[in-house]
Amino acid sequence: MAAQPLTRARLIQILLTMLLLIVAFVWRTVIFSDEQVNCTVQQVCNLEFEQHKLTLKWSKVGLKLQSSQNIDFSVTAIDGQPMDDTADLTEMNFTPNTKGLVLESGHQRLTINQLPQ
């Protein structure tokens, strides 16, 4: 296929496409939130994530995450695992060796670490 000469219209199209991609990248970078919360010494931690009021309760039995609404975001345990699959979507239980949790949604990530042991 023979190379075609670069016209003014094609150059403007290429520049506008590049500008759109740069703006989209900058926008996603600016609105993304990556926070960390330390729950040291406390047996109960209250926090807010994605309009959910969350309560972390730690005991020798394990870690319990309770939410004011159904949990519709990703919850990953650090060095632990979920204990059971409950039908209640407002509560999750984790093993006692859980070192922390990572909560993720589309544009926000919250890391909860340094839990009491």
Protein backbone atom coordinates (compact mmCIF):
# COMPACT_ATOMS: atom_id res chain seq x y z
CA MET A 1 0.00 0.00 0.00
CA ALA A 2 1.37 3.35 -1.00
CA ALA A 3 1.88 6.02 1.64
CA GLN A 4 -0.57 8.86 1.47
CA PRO A 5 0.41 12.46 2.03
CA LEU A 6 -0.47 13.91 5.40
CA THR A 7 -3.33 16.35 4.90
CA ARG A 8 -4.25 19.16 7.23
CA ALA A 9 -7.53 17.41 8.17
CA ARG A 10 -5.73 14.15 9.01
CA LEU A 11 -3.15 16.01 11.13
CA ILE A 12 -5.94 17.76 13.08
CA GLN A 13 -7.66 14.38 13.61
CA ILE A 14 -4.44 12.84 14.94
CA LEU A 15 -3.78 15.78 17.27
CA LEU A 16 -7.35 15.79 18.62
CA THR A 17 -7.18 12.04 19.27
CA MET A 18 -3.89 12.46 21.15
CA LEU A 19 -5.35 15.34 23.16
CA LEU A 20 -8.41 13.28 24.07
CA LEU A 21 -6.25 10.36 25.26
CA ILE A 22 -4.02 12.65 27.32
CA VAL A 23 -7.04 14.33 28.95
CA ALA A 24 -8.62 10.94 29.76
CA PHE A 25 -5.36 9.68 31.33
CA VAL A 26 -4.89 12.83 33.42
CA TRP A 27 -8.55 12.75 34.53
CA ARG A 28 -8.34 9.13 35.75
CA THR A 29 -5.06 9.86 37.50
CA VAL A 30 -6.45 12.90 39.30
CA ILE A 31 -9.71 11.31 40.51
CA PHE A 32 -8.15 8.02 41.69
CA SER A 33 -7.79 7.83 45.45
CA ASP A 34 -5.39 5.45 47.21
CA GLU A 35 -5.65 5.79 50.98
CA GLN A 36 -4.27 3.86 53.92
CA VAL A 37 -5.82 3.54 57.36
CA ASN A 38 -4.01 2.13 60.39
CA CYS A 39 -6.14 0.44 63.03
CA THR A 40 -3.52 -0.06 65.71
CA VAL A 41 -4.39 -0.89 69.31
CA GLN A 42 -8.11 -0.33 68.69
CA GLN A 43 -10.55 -3.22 68.88
CA VAL A 44 -13.05 -1.32 66.72
CA CYS A 45 -12.30 0.90 63.72
CA ASN A 46 -14.96 3.08 62.11
CA LEU A 47 -14.37 4.44 58.64
CA GLU A 48 -16.13 5.47 55.45
CA PHE A 49 -15.58 4.08 51.95
CA GLU A 50 -17.70 4.81 48.86
CA GLN A 51 -20.62 6.19 50.94
CA HIS A 52 -20.52 3.04 53.11
CA LYS A 53 -20.07 3.42 56.85
CA LEU A 54 -17.80 0.52 57.79
CA THR A 55 -16.97 -0.96 61.17
CA LEU A 56 -14.03 -3.32 61.71
CA LYS A 57 -14.27 -5.39 64.88
CA TRP A 58 -11.31 -7.49 65.92
CA SER A 59 -11.40 -10.32 68.44
CA LYS A 60 -9.53 -13.57 69.09
CA VAL A 61 -12.16 -15.33 66.93
CA GLY A 62 -11.32 -13.19 63.89
CA LEU A 63 -11.99 -9.96 62.07
CA LYS A 64 -15.51 -8.81 61.22
CA LEU A 65 -16.25 -6.16 58.56
CA GLN A 66 -19.72 -4.65 58.87
CA SER A 67 -21.24 -2.18 56.43
CA SER A 68 -24.26 0.11 56.57
CA GLN A 69 -25.23 -1.13 53.07
CA ASN A 70 -24.61 -4.18 50.92
CA ILE A 71 -20.90 -4.62 50.21
CA ASP A 72 -20.66 -3.97 46.47
CA PHE A 73 -16.90 -3.49 46.24
CA SER A 74 -13.92 -5.84 46.26
CA VAL A 75 -12.55 -6.88 49.66
CA THR A 76 -9.19 -8.71 49.76
CA ALA A 77 -7.58 -10.02 52.93
CA ILE A 78 -3.84 -9.51 53.54
CA ASP A 79 -2.30 -12.74 54.94
CA GLY A 80 -5.70 -14.14 55.79
CA GLN A 81 -8.88 -15.33 54.18
CA PRO A 82 -12.65 -15.10 54.54
CA MET A 83 -13.94 -17.51 57.19
CA ASP A 84 -17.36 -18.19 55.72
CA ASP A 85 -19.70 -17.10 52.98
CA THR A 86 -22.60 -15.50 54.78
CA ALA A 87 -25.85 -14.68 53.06
CA ASP A 88 -25.73 -11.29 54.75
CA LEU A 89 -24.13 -8.91 52.26
CA THR A 90 -23.52 -6.29 54.95
CA GLU A 91 -21.03 -8.40 56.92
CA MET A 92 -17.84 -10.36 56.18
CA ASN A 93 -15.75 -12.46 58.59
CA PHE A 94 -12.01 -13.14 58.29
CA THR A 95 -9.56 -15.46 60.03
CA PRO A 96 -7.67 -14.22 63.13
CA ASN A 97 -4.33 -14.12 61.25
CA THR A 98 -5.60 -11.44 58.85
CA LYS A 99 -3.04 -8.60 58.82
CA GLY A 100 -5.19 -6.15 56.90
CA LEU A 101 -7.78 -5.57 54.20
CA VAL A 102 -7.76 -3.90 50.79
CA LEU A 103 -11.07 -2.38 49.66
CA GLU A 104 -11.33 -1.50 45.97
CA SER A 105 -13.95 0.05 43.76
CA GLY A 106 -13.75 1.60 40.31
CA HIS A 107 -11.72 4.66 41.27
CA GLN A 108 -10.81 4.25 44.91
CA ARG A 109 -8.60 1.86 46.89
CA LEU A 110 -8.36 1.80 50.67
CA THR A 111 -5.75 -0.27 52.50
CA ILE A 112 -6.41 -1.06 56.16
CA ASN A 113 -3.32 -2.40 57.90
CA GLN A 114 -1.61 -2.73 61.27
CA LEU A 115 -4.62 -4.40 62.82
CA PRO A 116 -4.33 -5.41 66.48
CA GLN A 117 -3.18 -9.00 67.00
